[in-house]
Amino acid sequence: MIFSSIAALSQNDTLSFLHITDAHLMFNLENYDPQIVHHREYTRLYKEANTMFAEFMETIPDNTGSDMIIASGDVIDFYDAKTSEGNTLAYQIELFTRYLDRYHYPFFMTLGNHEIFSYRWGEERVIPDQLKAGEAKAAWIRNMDVFRDGTYYSRTFEVGSANYRLIFLDNSYYQFNKEENVVNPHIDKPQLHWLKSELAASEANNQNVIILMHIPFSDKSVQPESENELYKTVTDSSVVKLILSGHHHRDVVKCFPTKGGGEVIQVETSALVNSSKNWRLVQLTENQLSVSFTGKIESEIVLPLK
């Protein structure tokens, strides 16, 4: 890995995209329990969430000349929530997809834990649960085109003589009981088998893989005793070059050793809900991939391809 403060030069045969995460958009809040609304807007400081997203969408894609936008989860703040009358209202997904239609940029995303959250008020705080995860995911599949085949998927791109596969994982569910001994990030067995098949296909076709997922690997999840199957699958592969994630609302770069003696780089990006400048520019060429510093076009990471 090469860390560089030199701006990536404009090249032919370049695919570029903007990585954002944790926008926490909320719509029509007047219809929900005022205590829930106050908590999310003022206790969590998310009152300007929609403004930050709009400022980003209206300026940065054009200014950077990016080909597409990729959001790694928590684009919206909740799936459904209680009203002041005690009913449950679930239409945040529909309102978000309608809102997104005003912008004319290719938009890919993964699900985060908030995309499948249900909110209720209790004990002087918002209590989130993921008990309607299946219902929420079904709504995403109905309303968001990128999920038309399910909540995890991949896309391939040719850039000059290089071939890239972007794999979008769904590790949105994380509310496991302590006795289950599940170390996040976690994906279920069907998705794990699908991921192994995707990686095998990438190896056979000499593709460079970028993984998008919401919850990143932590120090705990990479320990051998954690037996995290997702981590083992990713680091057993020779083709995974980069992981882009969010969740913790911070800028962090970590390197993990792979089975073949190389390394995979994991990049976390700060939350868009906190600033419209919290984005990274990712550029893919036939010779290298680069990731910018947050809010800048200058490269923090430059990774030459073999």
Foldseek 3Di string as FASTA:
>chain_A
DDFDQAFDDDDALKAKEKEAEQLADDPPCVFAAVLQVCCVCPVVVLVCSVVLVVVLLVPVCVVPVHQAYEYAENSHQAQWEHHNVGDIDGDRLVVVLVVCVVGPHHYHYAYALRLQWYWYDDPSYTDIDNPCVVVSQVVCCVRPVVQVVHRWDWDWDDRPPAIAIETEDHQHDDPDDVVVLADPSADDDVVLVVVLVVLVVCVVVVHAYEYRHADDDDPVCPDPVSVHSVNLSQQQGPRYAEYEYENVQDWDWDWDHHPVGRIHIYTYWHHSSVHSQTMWMWMDHRFWIFICDGSDSGTRDIGTDD
